[in-house]
Amino acid sequence: MSTMAPDLSTPDTAATGGKDPRRRRKLLLVPLSLLCALGLVLGYLFLTAKPEASTQLGASAVIPGGTARVNGIIPLEKDGWLPPERVQVLDEGPSAGTHRVRILVQFTALEGEGITLDTSQFSVTGLGANSIHPLWTSPATAQLRQGDTADATMVFELPNQAIALVLEGPGNTRLSLGLSHHTS
């Protein structure tokens, strides 16, 4: 009587109680494939997304009734500027991971109806910054007649890591803030 040698090419999963390693690898391929597909779709969307256009720093943008231009972006920790009246929110230091900037904007009324200026309607947006409203503005509101010019000051607290920052206002106004405000 001859005995046959057991076939060692396929493990006896019933005897060992384990699962087939090849089957386990095949099952892992499904979630990995889905994850790769999701990564490709998100990468495509990110790389092909068109950024909204904004007016370059220092150039004039057309706004309803006239023009607006950023004349300066000054980090408060560099010059220690404070508004003429005491403002409690500015007395307290900036939150961790942020810095404060003073944005100087010049408005010029060119059209007959002039400009109704409300600086509280402006906000800063960008990558890492979602619609940040000013901590303080001056003037808060103004009515500019044709030919009038007004200089406005707006103080914002911006995340240190935010990039591609834009000052947004009424009438789809988008003024680029450049990079000079970054302090760290």
C-alpha atoms as a PDB file:
ATOM      1  CA  MET A   1       0.000   0.000   0.000  1.00  0.00           C
ATOM      2  CA  SER A   2       1.429   3.296  -1.015  1.00  0.00           C
ATOM      3  CA  THR A   3       0.642   6.505   0.693  1.00  0.00           C
ATOM      4  CA  MET A   4       0.441   9.727  -1.189  1.00  0.00           C
ATOM      5  CA  ALA A   5       2.222  12.793   0.032  1.00  0.00           C
ATOM      6  CA  PRO A   6      -0.096  15.645   0.948  1.00  0.00           C
ATOM      7  CA  ASP A   7      -0.363  18.496  -1.554  1.00  0.00           C
ATOM      8  CA  LEU A   8       1.464  21.449   0.012  1.00  0.00           C
ATOM      9  CA  SER A   9       0.669  23.911  -2.780  1.00  0.00           C
ATOM     10  CA  THR A  10      -2.697  24.897  -1.251  1.00  0.00           C
ATOM     11  CA  PRO A  11      -3.084  25.236   2.477  1.00  0.00           C
ATOM     12  CA  ASP A  12      -5.818  23.345   4.169  1.00  0.00           C
ATOM     13  CA  THR A  13      -7.830  26.307   5.503  1.00  0.00           C
ATOM     14  CA  ALA A  14     -10.392  24.049   7.135  1.00  0.00           C
ATOM     15  CA  ALA A  15      -7.727  22.358   9.207  1.00  0.00           C
ATOM     16  CA  THR A  16      -5.883  25.561  10.176  1.00  0.00           C
ATOM     17  CA  GLY A  17      -8.964  27.724  10.688  1.00  0.00           C
ATOM     18  CA  GLY A  18      -7.300  30.654   8.861  1.00  0.00           C
ATOM     19  CA  LYS A  19      -8.324  32.518   5.750  1.00  0.00           C
ATOM     20  CA  ASP A  20      -6.696  32.293   2.398  1.00  0.00           C
ATOM     21  CA  PRO A  21      -4.093  35.123   2.186  1.00  0.00           C
ATOM     22  CA  ARG A  22      -4.746  35.545  -1.538  1.00  0.00           C
ATOM     23  CA  ARG A  23      -8.439  36.150  -0.857  1.00  0.00           C
ATOM     24  CA  ARG A  24      -7.550  38.723   1.817  1.00  0.00           C
ATOM     25  CA  ARG A  25      -5.311  40.602  -0.666  1.00  0.00           C
ATOM     26  CA  LYS A  26      -8.087  40.613  -3.247  1.00  0.00           C
ATOM     27  CA  LEU A  27     -10.522  42.051  -0.698  1.00  0.00           C
ATOM     28  CA  LEU A  28      -8.048  44.850   0.126  1.00  0.00           C
ATOM     29  CA  LEU A  29      -7.866  45.845  -3.533  1.00  0.00           C
ATOM     30  CA  VAL A  30     -11.485  47.033  -3.570  1.00  0.00           C
ATOM     31  CA  PRO A  31     -11.148  49.831  -0.931  1.00  0.00           C
ATOM     32  CA  LEU A  32      -7.696  50.772  -2.225  1.00  0.00           C
ATOM     33  CA  SER A  33      -9.058  51.116  -5.760  1.00  0.00           C
ATOM     34  CA  LEU A  34     -11.930  53.284  -4.523  1.00  0.00           C
ATOM     35  CA  LEU A  35      -9.520  55.473  -2.545  1.00  0.00           C
ATOM     36  CA  CYS A  36      -7.267  55.932  -5.581  1.00  0.00           C
ATOM     37  CA  ALA A  37     -10.251  56.803  -7.779  1.00  0.00           C
ATOM     38  CA  LEU A  38     -11.437  59.396  -5.242  1.00  0.00           C
ATOM     39  CA  GLY A  39      -7.928  60.876  -5.101  1.00  0.00           C
ATOM     40  CA  LEU A  40      -7.804  61.162  -8.889  1.00  0.00           C
ATOM     41  CA  VAL A  41     -11.196  62.886  -9.055  1.00  0.00           C
ATOM     42  CA  LEU A  42     -10.325  65.378  -6.299  1.00  0.00           C
ATOM     43  CA  GLY A  43      -6.915  66.034  -7.836  1.00  0.00           C
ATOM     44  CA  TYR A  44      -8.500  66.715 -11.210  1.00  0.00           C
ATOM     45  CA  LEU A  45     -11.042  69.101  -9.688  1.00  0.00           C
ATOM     46  CA  PHE A  46      -8.362  70.940  -7.705  1.00  0.00           C
ATOM     47  CA  LEU A  47      -5.972  71.297 -10.628  1.00  0.00           C
ATOM     48  CA  THR A  48      -8.595  72.412 -13.143  1.00  0.00           C
ATOM     49  CA  ALA A  49     -10.528  74.799 -10.865  1.00  0.00           C
ATOM     50  CA  LYS A  50     -10.320  78.344 -12.183  1.00  0.00           C
ATOM     51  CA  PRO A  51      -9.631  80.938  -9.498  1.00  0.00           C
ATOM     52  CA  GLU A  52     -11.851  83.983  -9.442  1.00  0.00           C
ATOM     53  CA  ALA A  53     -10.144  86.998 -10.942  1.00  0.00           C
ATOM     54  CA  SER A  54      -9.096  89.841  -8.660  1.00  0.00           C
ATOM     55  CA  THR A  55      -7.561  93.238  -9.254  1.00  0.00           C
ATOM     56  CA  GLN A  56      -3.822  93.274  -8.620  1.00  0.00           C
ATOM     57  CA  LEU A  57      -2.464  95.003  -5.544  1.00  0.00           C
ATOM     58  CA  GLY A  58      -2.224  98.769  -6.202  1.00  0.00           C
ATOM     59  CA  ALA A  59      -4.424  98.766  -9.317  1.00  0.00           C
ATOM     60  CA  SER A  60      -7.861 100.396  -9.335  1.00  0.00           C
ATOM     61  CA  ALA A  61     -10.942  98.200  -9.493  1.00  0.00           C
ATOM     62  CA  VAL A  62     -14.267  99.330 -10.870  1.00  0.00           C
ATOM     63  CA  ILE A  63     -16.975  99.346  -8.201  1.00  0.00           C
ATOM     64  CA  PRO A  64     -20.574 100.549  -8.425  1.00  0.00           C
ATOM     65  CA  GLY A  65     -20.291 104.342  -8.860  1.00  0.00           C
ATOM     66  CA  GLY A  66     -16.504 104.632  -9.101  1.00  0.00           C
ATOM     67  CA  THR A  67     -13.205 102.925  -8.282  1.00  0.00           C
ATOM     68  CA  ALA A  68     -11.425 101.359  -5.306  1.00  0.00           C
ATOM     69  CA  ARG A  69      -7.701 100.768  -4.821  1.00  0.00           C
ATOM     70  CA  VAL A  70      -5.689  99.188  -1.996  1.00  0.00           C
ATOM     71  CA  ASN A  71      -3.027 101.746  -1.004  1.00  0.00           C
ATOM     72  CA  GLY A  72      -1.421  99.737   1.767  1.00  0.00           C
ATOM     73  CA  ILE A  73      -1.445  96.572   3.864  1.00  0.00           C
ATOM     74  CA  ILE A  74       0.380  97.165   7.120  1.00  0.00           C
ATOM     75  CA  PRO A  75       0.838  94.539   9.859  1.00  0.00           C
ATOM     76  CA  LEU A  76      -0.146  96.158  13.174  1.00  0.00           C
ATOM     77  CA  GLU A  77       2.710  94.471  15.045  1.00  0.00           C
ATOM     78  CA  LYS A  78       5.189  96.317  12.797  1.00  0.00           C
ATOM     79  CA  ASP A  79       3.967  99.859  13.399  1.00  0.00           C
ATOM     80  CA  GLY A  80       1.899  99.626  16.615  1.00  0.00           C
ATOM     81  CA  TRP A  81      -0.915 101.689  15.071  1.00  0.00           C
ATOM     82  CA  LEU A  82      -4.171 102.011  17.011  1.00  0.00           C
ATOM     83  CA  PRO A  83      -7.366 103.848  16.025  1.00  0.00           C
ATOM     84  CA  PRO A  84      -8.005 107.316  17.508  1.00  0.00           C
ATOM     85  CA  GLU A  85     -10.734 105.974  19.814  1.00  0.00           C
ATOM     86  CA  ARG A  86     -10.248 103.025  22.120  1.00  0.00           C
ATOM     87  CA  VAL A  87     -11.562  99.732  20.722  1.00  0.00           C
ATOM     88  CA  GLN A  88     -11.682  96.834  23.185  1.00  0.00           C
ATOM     89  CA  VAL A  89     -11.264  94.107  20.543  1.00  0.00           C
ATOM     90  CA  LEU A  90      -8.016  95.759  19.394  1.00  0.00           C
ATOM     91  CA  ASP A  91      -6.746  96.175  22.960  1.00  0.00           C
ATOM     92  CA  GLU A  92      -6.677  92.392  23.261  1.00  0.00           C
ATOM     93  CA  GLY A  93      -3.884  90.678  21.361  1.00  0.00           C
ATOM     94  CA  PRO A  94      -4.505  88.607  18.240  1.00  0.00           C
ATOM     95  CA  SER A  95      -5.570  84.988  18.618  1.00  0.00           C
ATOM     96  CA  ALA A  96      -2.916  82.270  18.406  1.00  0.00           C
ATOM     97  CA  GLY A  97      -1.922  81.573  14.795  1.00  0.00           C
ATOM     98  CA  THR A  98      -3.156  84.947  13.490  1.00  0.00           C
ATOM     99  CA  HIS A  99      -1.864  88.433  12.814  1.00  0.00           C
ATOM    100  CA  ARG A 100      -3.615  91.759  12.383  1.00  0.00           C
ATOM    101  CA  VAL A 101      -3.329  94.016   9.384  1.00  0.00           C
ATOM    102  CA  ARG A 102      -4.532  97.504   8.570  1.00  0.00           C
ATOM    103  CA  ILE A 103      -5.777  97.720   4.988  1.00  0.00           C
ATOM    104  CA  LEU A 104      -5.888 101.201   3.462  1.00  0.00           C
ATOM    105  CA  VAL A 105      -8.339 101.569   0.574  1.00  0.00           C
ATOM    106  CA  GLN A 106      -8.985 104.677  -1.519  1.00  0.00           C
ATOM    107  CA  PHE A 107     -12.463 105.111  -3.010  1.00  0.00           C
ATOM    108  CA  THR A 108     -13.178 107.597  -5.818  1.00  0.00           C
ATOM    109  CA  ALA A 109     -16.695 108.446  -7.030  1.00  0.00           C
ATOM    110  CA  LEU A 110     -16.704 108.796 -10.822  1.00  0.00           C
ATOM    111  CA  GLU A 111     -20.345 108.428 -11.788  1.00  0.00           C
ATOM    112  CA  GLY A 112     -23.220 110.847 -11.218  1.00  0.00           C
ATOM    113  CA  GLU A 113     -24.877 108.751  -8.502  1.00  0.00           C
ATOM    114  CA  GLY A 114     -21.610 108.612  -6.534  1.00  0.00           C
ATOM    115  CA  ILE A 115     -20.711 105.869  -4.071  1.00  0.00           C
ATOM    116  CA  THR A 116     -22.576 104.772  -0.982  1.00  0.00           C
ATOM    117  CA  LEU A 117     -19.709 103.374   1.069  1.00  0.00           C
ATOM    118  CA  ASP A 118     -20.299 100.846   3.854  1.00  0.00           C
ATOM    119  CA  THR A 119     -16.956  99.387   4.932  1.00  0.00           C
ATOM    120  CA  SER A 120     -18.647  96.718   7.075  1.00  0.00           C
ATOM    121  CA  GLN A 121     -19.671  95.046   3.784  1.00  0.00           C
ATOM    122  CA  PHE A 122     -16.042  94.148   3.031  1.00  0.00           C
ATOM    123  CA  SER A 123     -14.391  90.859   3.988  1.00  0.00           C
ATOM    124  CA  VAL A 124     -11.146  89.001   3.349  1.00  0.00           C
ATOM    125  CA  THR A 125     -11.217  85.548   1.760  1.00  0.00           C
ATOM    126  CA  GLY A 126      -8.593  83.156   0.457  1.00  0.00           C
ATOM    127  CA  LEU A 127      -7.080  79.721   0.921  1.00  0.00           C
ATOM    128  CA  GLY A 128      -7.142  79.164   4.664  1.00  0.00           C
ATOM    129  CA  ALA A 129      -9.404  82.156   5.302  1.00  0.00           C
ATOM    130  CA  ASN A 130     -13.176  82.031   4.979  1.00  0.00           C
ATOM    131  CA  SER A 131     -14.943  85.410   4.835  1.00  0.00           C
ATOM    132  CA  ILE A 132     -13.176  87.307   7.611  1.00  0.00           C
ATOM    133  CA  HIS A 133     -14.992  90.511   8.541  1.00  0.00           C
ATOM    134  CA  PRO A 134     -13.194  93.633   9.795  1.00  0.00           C
ATOM    135  CA  LEU A 135     -12.564  94.167  13.494  1.00  0.00           C
ATOM    136  CA  TRP A 136     -12.681  97.936  12.989  1.00  0.00           C
ATOM    137  CA  THR A 137     -13.311 100.325  10.075  1.00  0.00           C
ATOM    138  CA  SER A 138     -13.184 104.053   9.444  1.00  0.00           C
ATOM    139  CA  PRO A 139     -15.263 105.562   8.063  1.00  0.00           C
ATOM    140  CA  ALA A 140     -18.003 103.053   8.816  1.00  0.00           C
ATOM    141  CA  THR A 141     -20.258 104.646   6.193  1.00  0.00           C
ATOM    142  CA  ALA A 142     -19.931 107.569   3.791  1.00  0.00           C
ATOM    143  CA  GLN A 143     -21.733 109.059   0.822  1.00  0.00           C
ATOM    144  CA  LEU A 144     -19.323 110.152  -1.900  1.00  0.00           C
ATOM    145  CA  ARG A 145     -20.533 112.504  -4.614  1.00  0.00           C
ATOM    146  CA  GLN A 146     -19.082 112.502  -8.110  1.00  0.00           C
ATOM    147  CA  GLY A 147     -15.445 113.623  -7.924  1.00  0.00           C
ATOM    148  CA  ASP A 148     -15.089 112.910  -4.169  1.00  0.00           C
ATOM    149  CA  THR A 149     -12.355 110.661  -2.785  1.00  0.00           C
ATOM    150  CA  ALA A 150     -12.316 108.916   0.584  1.00  0.00           C
ATOM    151  CA  ASP A 151      -9.568 106.939   2.304  1.00  0.00           C
ATOM    152  CA  ALA A 152     -10.873 104.022   4.363  1.00  0.00           C
ATOM    153  CA  THR A 153      -9.003 102.008   6.980  1.00  0.00           C
ATOM    154  CA  MET A 154     -10.046  98.437   7.783  1.00  0.00           C
ATOM    155  CA  VAL A 155      -8.413  96.229  10.428  1.00  0.00           C
ATOM    156  CA  PHE A 156      -8.578  92.439   9.963  1.00  0.00           C
ATOM    157  CA  GLU A 157      -7.253  89.466  11.942  1.00  0.00           C
ATOM    158  CA  LEU A 158      -5.865  86.997   9.398  1.00  0.00           C
ATOM    159  CA  PRO A 159      -4.606  83.416   9.805  1.00  0.00           C
ATOM    160  CA  ASN A 160      -0.802  83.229   9.509  1.00  0.00           C
ATOM    161  CA  GLN A 161      -1.007  80.342   7.035  1.00  0.00           C
ATOM    162  CA  ALA A 162      -3.660  81.885   4.753  1.00  0.00           C
ATOM    163  CA  ILE A 163      -2.620  82.563   1.152  1.00  0.00           C
ATOM    164  CA  ALA A 164      -4.124  84.133  -1.977  1.00  0.00           C
ATOM    165  CA  LEU A 165      -5.990  86.675   0.136  1.00  0.00           C
ATOM    166  CA  VAL A 166      -8.508  88.996  -1.502  1.00  0.00           C
ATOM    167  CA  LEU A 167     -10.513  91.931  -0.122  1.00  0.00           C
ATOM    168  CA  GLU A 168     -14.079  91.384  -1.316  1.00  0.00           C
ATOM    169  CA  GLY A 169     -16.799  93.998  -1.337  1.00  0.00           C
ATOM    170  CA  PRO A 170     -20.123  94.995  -2.873  1.00  0.00           C
ATOM    171  CA  GLY A 171     -20.618  94.575  -6.618  1.00  0.00           C
ATOM    172  CA  ASN A 172     -18.232  91.575  -6.789  1.00  0.00           C
ATOM    173  CA  THR A 173     -15.261  93.805  -5.960  1.00  0.00           C
ATOM    174  CA  ARG A 174     -12.125  91.661  -5.523  1.00  0.00           C
ATOM    175  CA  LEU A 175      -8.855  93.397  -4.600  1.00  0.00           C
ATOM    176  CA  SER A 176      -5.751  91.205  -4.216  1.00  0.00           C
ATOM    177  CA  LEU A 177      -3.780  91.676  -0.979  1.00  0.00           C
ATOM    178  CA  GLY A 178      -0.475  90.277  -2.189  1.00  0.00           C
ATOM    179  CA  LEU A 179       2.051  88.700   0.204  1.00  0.00           C
ATOM    180  CA  SER A 180       3.594  91.637   2.089  1.00  0.00           C
ATOM    181  CA  HIS A 181       1.270  91.306   5.106  1.00  0.00           C
ATOM    182  CA  HIS A 182       2.687  87.919   6.150  1.00  0.00           C
ATOM    183  CA  THR A 183       4.860  88.246   9.223  1.00  0.00           C
ATOM    184  CA  SER A 184       5.513  84.617  10.118  1.00  0.00           C
END
